[in-house]
Amino acid sequence: MEKVLTTSIRKGVGGRVTINHLAEELGLAKGTVSKALNSYADISESTRRRVKKIAAEMDYRPLAYAQAIRTGRVRSIGLVFQTESERPFLADFLAGVSQTASTENWTLTVATSASEEEVLLTTKRLIDERKADGFILPRTKVIDPRIDLLRSANIPFVLWGRTKDTKGCAWFDILGEDAMYKAVERLMSFGHRRIGFINSDISYNFAHLRQIGFLKGMKELGIVPDEELILGGIKTTDDGYQATKKLLEMLCPPTAIIYATDVAALGAYKAAAEFGLKVGSDLSIISYDGLPESAYANPPLTTFKVNTKRAGARLAALLIERVRGKSAEALRETDLAFLNPGESDSPLKLSSSELSNKIKASKFNLT
C-alpha cells in the first residue's frame, strides 16, 4: 500500500512523472538527472545506473519534443538505403539497429532512394529537416560523397565498412579480406592451384579489400595470381553466370573460383550445368555473405557468413556514443565472418587441362 501512495504522490498533473519529480525523488539536480539519463561521460556509472533504475520504477517517459528543444537532439538514427542494393541483409540488419535504438529510447528514421545521387539528396533533406541526429552509412565506397556531405555539415556518422580517407570516421566492419585469404588457403589445402576470383564493383570498399585479401593469400601461399582469372564489376546472379562462363571457356580454366558475393556465386551453378560440370566435384566454389538462398543451392554453397543483426546493433550503439560526443577514432570495431561449409568445394578431381577437355566435349555434344 505504501508503494502505491508514494507513486501517486510522485506523479504530476495528468499523472505524468516529470524530470522535476525524478530529481526530487533522487535528491539530485535536474541537470545531473538529465545527463545521467542521456549517458553523459561526466556522470559516474553508478549514478547513471541509479537514475535509470528509479526512472524505470517511476515510469518516467521524457517528452520527445521537449527533449529536442532542450538538447537540440531528436534521438533518432538516420539510414538512407539505395533501393534494392542492400536487400540481402536488410531485415536482420534493421532488427539489430532498431533493438539497440529502442533500448536507448531512440527511434529509427529510414528512407530509400533509387540512385546514389538521390541518396545524397535524401540525406541532405533529413539533415535540413532535423529528422536524425546522426547517420549509419552502409556499403561504403573507397571515395564516398556521403562522408564528405556529413563532414561538411558536422553531423555524426558511423560507417558499416571502411573508406580510404579515415579522418573523423567511426566504423564497424567485417574483415572480408581475411575471409578471402582463408578461402584461398582452404582451396589450396584441397590441392587447387589455378584459382579464379570474381569480384563486385571495385569502387565499393568491401570489394577493394576482398581483392586485396585474395591477392595476399595467393602470393603468401606461393601462387603468382593470373590477372586473366580476376574479373570485377559483377553485381547480379546473371553477371556471375556470364563471368563464370568466361573463365571456364579459357584455354586453361580455373579448377576453383572464389566469389566476393553469394549473389554472383549463385550464377556459377547455371554456367557449370551448361558445360556439363558438377559444382563441388568438377568445379569448386567458395563465396561470401551467407545469404539464405545459398543453403538451398544444389549443392549447398560454401560461404563466409556475416552476423548482420549484430552488425546493426553495434552500429547503432556506436552512433549513439558518437552523437554523445565520443571521438570517432575511439569508435572503430571490426569482426570476422565465419565459414559456413557447404558442398560446393572439394579436393581437386580434374586438372585444368582435364576440365578444359570436359568442357570442349560438352560443347561438341551440344552442337
Protein backbone atom coordinates (compact mmCIF):
# COMPACT_ATOMS: atom_id res chain seq x y z
CA MET A 1 0.00 0.00 0.00
CA GLU A 2 2.82 2.41 0.90
CA LYS A 3 4.40 1.99 -2.57
CA VAL A 4 1.10 2.83 -4.29
CA LEU A 5 0.66 6.00 -2.20
CA THR A 6 4.27 7.07 -2.82
CA THR A 7 3.88 6.56 -6.55
CA SER A 8 0.72 8.64 -6.65
CA ILE A 9 2.48 11.50 -4.82
CA ARG A 10 5.37 11.34 -7.29
CA LYS A 11 3.13 11.97 -10.29
CA GLY A 12 2.33 15.44 -11.51
CA VAL A 13 -0.56 16.98 -13.39
CA GLY A 14 -2.33 14.40 -15.53
CA GLY A 15 -0.48 11.62 -13.71
CA ARG A 16 2.73 12.13 -15.70
CA VAL A 17 6.08 11.91 -13.93
CA THR A 18 8.31 14.82 -14.91
CA ILE A 19 12.07 15.21 -14.64
CA ASN A 20 11.45 17.54 -11.67
CA HIS A 21 9.70 14.72 -9.80
CA LEU A 22 12.52 12.36 -10.67
CA ALA A 23 15.18 14.84 -9.46
CA GLU A 24 13.27 15.41 -6.21
CA GLU A 25 12.98 11.66 -5.57
CA LEU A 26 16.69 11.14 -6.21
CA GLY A 27 17.86 14.23 -4.33
CA LEU A 28 19.85 15.35 -7.39
CA ALA A 29 19.92 18.45 -9.55
CA LYS A 30 17.69 18.30 -12.62
CA GLY A 31 20.72 18.82 -14.89
CA THR A 32 22.50 15.84 -13.31
CA VAL A 33 19.44 13.64 -13.80
CA SER A 34 19.15 14.73 -17.44
CA LYS A 35 22.82 13.97 -18.11
CA ALA A 36 22.55 10.59 -16.38
CA LEU A 37 19.52 9.63 -18.47
CA ASN A 38 21.40 10.58 -21.62
CA SER A 39 24.56 8.67 -20.54
CA TYR A 40 26.91 11.66 -20.50
CA ALA A 41 30.50 10.66 -19.80
CA ASP A 42 30.93 13.20 -16.97
CA ILE A 43 28.35 11.36 -14.85
CA SER A 44 29.60 8.31 -12.96
CA GLU A 45 28.39 4.89 -14.00
CA SER A 46 26.87 4.24 -10.55
CA THR A 47 24.85 7.48 -10.73
CA ARG A 48 23.67 6.65 -14.26
CA ARG A 49 22.51 3.20 -13.14
CA ARG A 50 20.73 4.60 -10.08
CA VAL A 51 18.94 7.33 -12.05
CA LYS A 52 17.81 4.92 -14.78
CA LYS A 53 16.62 2.39 -12.19
CA ILE A 54 14.43 4.92 -10.36
CA ALA A 55 13.22 6.37 -13.68
CA ALA A 56 12.03 2.92 -14.71
CA GLU A 57 10.34 2.34 -11.33
CA MET A 58 8.54 5.70 -11.59
CA ASP A 59 7.64 5.05 -15.24
CA TYR A 60 9.31 8.29 -16.28
CA ARG A 61 8.89 8.97 -20.00
CA PRO A 62 10.52 12.12 -21.39
CA LEU A 63 8.55 14.14 -23.91
CA ALA A 64 10.37 13.83 -27.21
CA TYR A 65 9.63 17.37 -28.39
CA ALA A 66 10.71 18.88 -25.07
CA GLN A 67 13.97 16.96 -25.20
CA ALA A 68 14.57 18.11 -28.76
CA ILE A 69 14.09 21.76 -27.76
CA ARG A 70 16.33 21.44 -24.70
CA THR A 71 19.16 19.35 -26.18
CA GLY A 72 18.90 20.06 -29.89
CA ARG A 73 18.52 16.31 -30.47
CA VAL A 74 15.63 14.28 -31.79
CA ARG A 75 17.08 10.98 -30.55
CA SER A 76 16.81 9.37 -33.97
CA ILE A 77 19.22 7.32 -36.08
CA GLY A 78 19.17 8.04 -39.81
CA LEU A 79 19.55 5.36 -42.51
CA VAL A 80 19.27 6.00 -46.23
CA PHE A 81 19.40 2.95 -48.47
CA GLN A 82 19.79 2.77 -52.20
CA THR A 83 16.78 0.74 -53.36
CA GLU A 84 17.50 -2.99 -53.70
CA SER A 85 21.26 -2.67 -53.22
CA GLU A 86 21.07 -3.74 -49.57
CA ARG A 87 18.22 -6.25 -49.92
CA PRO A 88 20.22 -9.39 -48.96
CA PHE A 89 20.95 -8.23 -45.41
CA LEU A 90 18.24 -5.66 -44.71
CA ALA A 91 15.79 -7.46 -42.39
CA ASP A 92 18.30 -8.76 -39.83
CA PHE A 93 20.35 -5.58 -40.03
CA LEU A 94 17.35 -3.33 -39.29
CA ALA A 95 16.30 -5.62 -36.44
CA GLY A 96 19.72 -5.13 -34.81
CA VAL A 97 19.67 -1.36 -35.28
CA SER A 98 16.10 -0.89 -34.05
CA GLN A 99 16.51 -3.10 -30.97
CA THR A 100 19.55 -1.16 -29.78
CA ALA A 101 17.88 2.16 -30.59
CA SER A 102 14.78 1.14 -28.63
CA THR A 103 16.88 0.16 -25.60
CA GLU A 104 18.27 3.70 -25.55
CA ASN A 105 14.81 5.24 -26.18
CA TRP A 106 15.88 6.33 -29.65
CA THR A 107 13.95 5.92 -32.87
CA LEU A 108 14.99 4.94 -36.38
CA THR A 109 14.37 7.06 -39.47
CA VAL A 110 14.70 5.00 -42.66
CA ALA A 111 14.50 6.25 -46.23
CA THR A 112 15.17 4.68 -49.61
CA SER A 113 16.38 6.26 -52.83
CA ALA A 114 16.69 4.98 -56.37
CA SER A 115 20.23 6.16 -57.12
CA GLU A 116 23.43 7.38 -55.49
CA GLU A 117 22.50 10.95 -56.38
CA GLU A 118 19.11 10.56 -54.71
CA VAL A 119 20.76 9.07 -51.62
CA LEU A 120 22.74 12.30 -51.22
CA LEU A 121 19.67 14.47 -51.77
CA THR A 122 17.61 12.43 -49.29
CA THR A 123 20.37 12.55 -46.67
CA LYS A 124 20.64 16.33 -47.08
CA ARG A 125 16.87 16.69 -46.72
CA LEU A 126 16.86 14.67 -43.49
CA ILE A 127 19.67 16.89 -42.17
CA ASP A 128 17.83 20.10 -43.12
CA GLU A 129 14.59 18.85 -41.58
CA ARG A 130 16.42 17.66 -38.44
CA LYS A 131 14.96 14.17 -38.76
CA ALA A 132 18.08 12.44 -37.38
CA ASP A 133 20.95 13.20 -35.00
CA GLY A 134 23.38 11.07 -36.97
CA PHE A 135 23.59 8.51 -39.73
CA ILE A 136 24.71 4.94 -40.34
CA LEU A 137 26.27 4.67 -43.81
CA PRO A 138 26.06 1.15 -45.29
CA ARG A 139 28.09 -0.14 -48.26
CA THR A 140 30.81 2.46 -48.06
CA LYS A 141 32.86 3.39 -51.11
CA VAL A 142 36.61 3.89 -51.34
CA ILE A 143 35.79 7.56 -52.00
CA ASP A 144 32.34 8.22 -50.59
CA PRO A 145 30.47 11.51 -51.20
CA ARG A 146 28.10 10.80 -48.30
CA ILE A 147 31.03 11.09 -45.91
CA ASP A 148 32.02 14.45 -47.39
CA LEU A 149 28.43 15.68 -47.02
CA LEU A 150 28.16 14.71 -43.35
CA ARG A 151 31.63 16.03 -42.52
CA SER A 152 30.85 19.42 -44.04
CA ALA A 153 27.51 19.56 -42.17
CA ASN A 154 29.22 18.48 -38.92
CA ILE A 155 26.74 15.63 -38.49
CA PRO A 156 27.87 12.48 -36.62
CA PHE A 157 28.04 9.27 -38.65
CA VAL A 158 29.24 5.69 -38.40
CA LEU A 159 30.27 3.54 -41.36
CA TRP A 160 29.28 -0.03 -41.98
CA GLY A 161 32.55 -0.58 -43.72
CA ARG A 162 35.72 1.44 -44.09
CA THR A 163 36.96 4.03 -46.56
CA LYS A 164 40.16 5.50 -47.96
CA ASP A 165 40.16 8.78 -46.01
CA THR A 166 39.56 7.74 -42.39
CA LYS A 167 39.64 11.23 -40.86
CA GLY A 168 36.70 11.65 -38.49
CA CYS A 169 35.30 8.21 -39.36
CA ALA A 170 33.90 5.75 -36.85
CA TRP A 171 33.01 2.28 -38.13
CA PHE A 172 32.01 -1.29 -37.61
CA ASP A 173 33.21 -3.62 -40.34
CA ILE A 174 33.68 -7.30 -41.12
CA LEU A 175 37.17 -8.31 -42.22
CA GLY A 176 36.19 -9.56 -45.66
CA GLU A 177 39.84 -9.52 -46.74
CA ASP A 178 40.58 -12.07 -44.02
CA ALA A 179 37.78 -14.31 -45.35
CA MET A 180 39.17 -14.18 -48.90
CA TYR A 181 42.63 -15.12 -47.61
CA LYS A 182 41.11 -18.09 -45.78
CA ALA A 183 39.19 -19.10 -48.90
CA VAL A 184 42.47 -19.27 -50.86
CA GLU A 185 44.04 -21.24 -48.01
CA ARG A 186 41.15 -23.72 -47.94
CA LEU A 187 41.19 -24.33 -51.68
CA MET A 188 44.95 -24.79 -51.73
CA SER A 189 44.64 -27.35 -48.95
CA PHE A 190 42.31 -29.22 -51.32
CA GLY A 191 45.01 -29.26 -53.99
CA HIS A 192 43.76 -26.40 -56.18
CA ARG A 193 46.38 -24.14 -57.70
CA ARG A 194 44.55 -22.48 -60.58
CA ILE A 195 42.07 -20.32 -58.69
CA GLY A 196 39.84 -17.61 -60.14
CA PHE A 197 38.38 -14.57 -58.38
CA ILE A 198 35.07 -12.93 -59.33
CA ASN A 199 34.69 -9.60 -57.59
CA SER A 200 32.00 -6.95 -57.21
CA ASP A 201 32.33 -3.25 -58.10
CA ILE A 202 35.83 -2.21 -57.01
CA SER A 203 34.61 1.32 -56.16
CA TYR A 204 32.99 -0.21 -53.06
CA ASN A 205 35.47 -0.56 -50.25
CA PHE A 206 34.40 -4.11 -49.39
CA ALA A 207 35.26 -5.25 -52.94
CA HIS A 208 38.57 -3.40 -52.83
CA LEU A 209 39.51 -5.12 -49.56
CA ARG A 210 38.32 -8.56 -50.63
CA GLN A 211 40.52 -8.39 -53.71
CA ILE A 212 43.46 -7.37 -51.53
CA GLY A 213 42.79 -10.41 -49.33
CA PHE A 214 42.60 -12.75 -52.32
CA LEU A 215 45.86 -11.45 -53.83
CA LYS A 216 47.62 -11.57 -50.47
CA GLY A 217 46.52 -15.16 -49.93
CA MET A 218 47.74 -16.24 -53.36
CA LYS A 219 51.12 -14.55 -53.03
CA GLU A 220 51.85 -15.53 -49.43
CA LEU A 221 50.84 -19.14 -50.10
CA GLY A 222 53.11 -19.40 -53.10
CA ILE A 223 50.98 -18.76 -56.21
CA VAL A 224 51.54 -15.93 -58.68
CA PRO A 225 48.00 -14.62 -59.41
CA ASP A 226 46.93 -14.79 -63.05
CA GLU A 227 45.28 -11.46 -63.88
CA GLU A 228 43.13 -13.16 -66.52
CA LEU A 229 41.46 -15.14 -63.75
CA ILE A 230 40.33 -11.98 -61.90
CA LEU A 231 37.07 -10.36 -63.03
CA GLY A 232 35.30 -7.39 -61.44
CA GLY A 233 32.12 -5.35 -61.59
CA ILE A 234 29.92 -8.41 -61.00
CA LYS A 235 26.74 -7.31 -59.18
CA THR A 236 23.97 -9.77 -60.09
CA THR A 237 23.41 -13.51 -60.43
CA ASP A 238 23.31 -13.12 -64.21
CA ASP A 239 26.61 -11.21 -64.05
CA GLY A 240 28.01 -14.14 -62.06
CA TYR A 241 26.76 -16.59 -64.68
CA GLN A 242 28.39 -14.65 -67.53
CA ALA A 243 31.67 -14.16 -65.63
CA THR A 244 31.88 -17.85 -64.72
CA LYS A 245 31.31 -18.83 -68.35
CA LYS A 246 34.10 -16.51 -69.41
CA LEU A 247 36.58 -18.14 -67.01
CA LEU A 248 35.53 -21.68 -67.89
CA GLU A 249 35.94 -21.01 -71.61
CA MET A 250 39.62 -20.14 -71.19
CA LEU A 251 42.26 -22.49 -72.60
CA CYS A 252 43.39 -23.19 -69.01
CA PRO A 253 40.25 -22.67 -66.89
CA PRO A 254 40.38 -22.41 -63.10
CA THR A 255 39.56 -25.55 -61.15
CA ALA A 256 38.22 -23.39 -58.31
CA ILE A 257 36.68 -19.91 -58.14
CA ILE A 258 36.26 -17.54 -55.19
CA TYR A 259 33.34 -15.10 -55.36
CA ALA A 260 33.20 -11.81 -53.45
CA THR A 261 29.42 -12.18 -53.05
CA ASP A 262 26.90 -15.01 -52.88
CA VAL A 263 24.71 -13.23 -55.44
CA ALA A 264 27.44 -13.69 -58.06
CA ALA A 265 28.31 -17.22 -56.92
CA LEU A 266 24.76 -18.45 -57.44
CA GLY A 267 25.19 -17.72 -61.14
CA ALA A 268 28.03 -20.25 -61.29
CA TYR A 269 25.61 -23.17 -60.99
CA LYS A 270 23.92 -22.35 -64.29
CA ALA A 271 27.25 -21.84 -66.08
CA ALA A 272 28.63 -25.12 -64.76
CA ALA A 273 25.48 -27.03 -65.79
CA GLU A 274 25.73 -25.66 -69.34
CA PHE A 275 29.20 -27.19 -69.64
CA GLY A 276 28.20 -30.50 -68.08
CA LEU A 277 30.10 -29.76 -64.88
CA LYS A 278 29.03 -30.52 -61.33
CA VAL A 279 29.71 -27.83 -58.76
CA GLY A 280 31.56 -29.29 -55.79
CA SER A 281 33.02 -32.10 -57.84
CA ASP A 282 34.32 -30.87 -61.20
CA LEU A 283 34.45 -27.23 -60.10
CA SER A 284 34.95 -25.91 -56.57
CA ILE A 285 33.50 -22.56 -55.49
CA ILE A 286 33.57 -20.55 -52.26
CA SER A 287 31.73 -17.31 -51.63
CA TYR A 288 30.93 -14.63 -49.06
CA ASP A 289 27.73 -13.27 -47.44
CA GLY A 290 25.81 -16.28 -46.14
CA LEU A 291 22.57 -15.45 -47.95
CA PRO A 292 19.65 -17.79 -47.11
CA GLU A 293 19.46 -18.78 -50.79
CA SER A 294 22.97 -20.23 -50.61
CA ALA A 295 21.80 -23.06 -48.33
CA TYR A 296 19.21 -24.13 -50.94
CA ALA A 297 21.57 -24.24 -53.91
CA ASN A 298 22.35 -27.71 -55.25
CA PRO A 299 24.82 -28.48 -53.77
CA PRO A 300 24.68 -26.00 -50.85
CA LEU A 301 27.16 -23.17 -51.24
CA THR A 302 30.26 -22.96 -49.06
CA THR A 303 30.24 -19.33 -47.92
CA PHE A 304 31.57 -16.98 -45.28
CA LYS A 305 28.62 -15.81 -43.21
CA VAL A 306 28.12 -12.44 -41.52
CA ASN A 307 26.02 -11.78 -38.40
CA THR A 308 24.17 -8.78 -39.83
CA LYS A 309 21.89 -8.43 -36.80
CA ARG A 310 24.89 -8.00 -34.52
CA ALA A 311 26.41 -5.55 -37.00
CA GLY A 312 23.26 -3.43 -36.89
CA ALA A 313 23.23 -3.48 -33.10
CA ARG A 314 26.87 -2.43 -32.81
CA LEU A 315 26.49 0.34 -35.41
CA ALA A 316 23.52 1.80 -33.55
CA ALA A 317 25.42 1.71 -30.25
CA LEU A 318 28.50 3.33 -31.79
CA LEU A 319 26.46 6.07 -33.44
CA ILE A 320 24.69 6.95 -30.20
CA GLU A 321 28.07 7.21 -28.48
CA ARG A 322 29.32 9.40 -31.34
CA VAL A 323 26.31 11.71 -31.02
CA ARG A 324 27.03 12.00 -27.30
CA GLY A 325 30.49 13.31 -28.07
CA LYS A 326 32.87 10.36 -28.12
CA SER A 327 35.65 10.73 -30.70
CA ALA A 328 35.35 8.87 -34.00
CA GLU A 329 38.82 7.38 -33.56
CA ALA A 330 37.68 5.67 -30.34
CA LEU A 331 34.72 4.07 -32.12
CA ARG A 332 36.29 1.70 -34.62
CA GLU A 333 35.47 -2.00 -34.44
CA THR A 334 35.94 -4.98 -36.72
CA ASP A 335 34.71 -8.55 -36.60
CA LEU A 336 35.25 -11.77 -38.54
CA ALA A 337 32.98 -13.59 -40.95
CA PHE A 338 32.70 -17.30 -40.15
CA LEU A 339 32.88 -20.14 -42.63
CA ASN A 340 29.63 -21.96 -43.26
CA PRO A 341 30.78 -25.12 -45.10
CA GLY A 342 28.51 -26.40 -47.83
CA GLU A 343 29.25 -28.92 -50.56
CA SER A 344 30.35 -26.57 -53.33
CA ASP A 345 34.08 -27.03 -52.72
CA SER A 346 36.10 -30.22 -52.52
CA PRO A 347 39.56 -31.70 -53.16
CA LEU A 348 40.87 -31.34 -56.71
CA LYS A 349 39.48 -34.03 -59.02
CA LEU A 350 40.17 -32.65 -62.51
CA SER A 351 43.28 -30.77 -63.59
CA SER A 352 42.83 -27.55 -65.58
CA SER A 353 43.53 -29.38 -68.86
CA GLU A 354 41.13 -32.20 -67.98
CA LEU A 355 38.47 -29.66 -67.06
CA SER A 356 39.04 -27.88 -70.39
CA ASN A 357 38.65 -31.14 -72.29
CA LYS A 358 35.42 -31.93 -70.49
CA ILE A 359 34.03 -28.51 -71.35
CA LYS A 360 35.03 -28.89 -75.01
CA ALA A 361 33.39 -32.31 -75.16
CA SER A 362 30.23 -30.87 -73.65
CA LYS A 363 30.16 -28.12 -76.28
CA PHE A 364 30.69 -30.65 -79.05
CA ASN A 365 27.80 -32.77 -77.75
CA LEU A 366 25.56 -29.75 -77.56
CA THR A 367 26.20 -28.89 -81.19
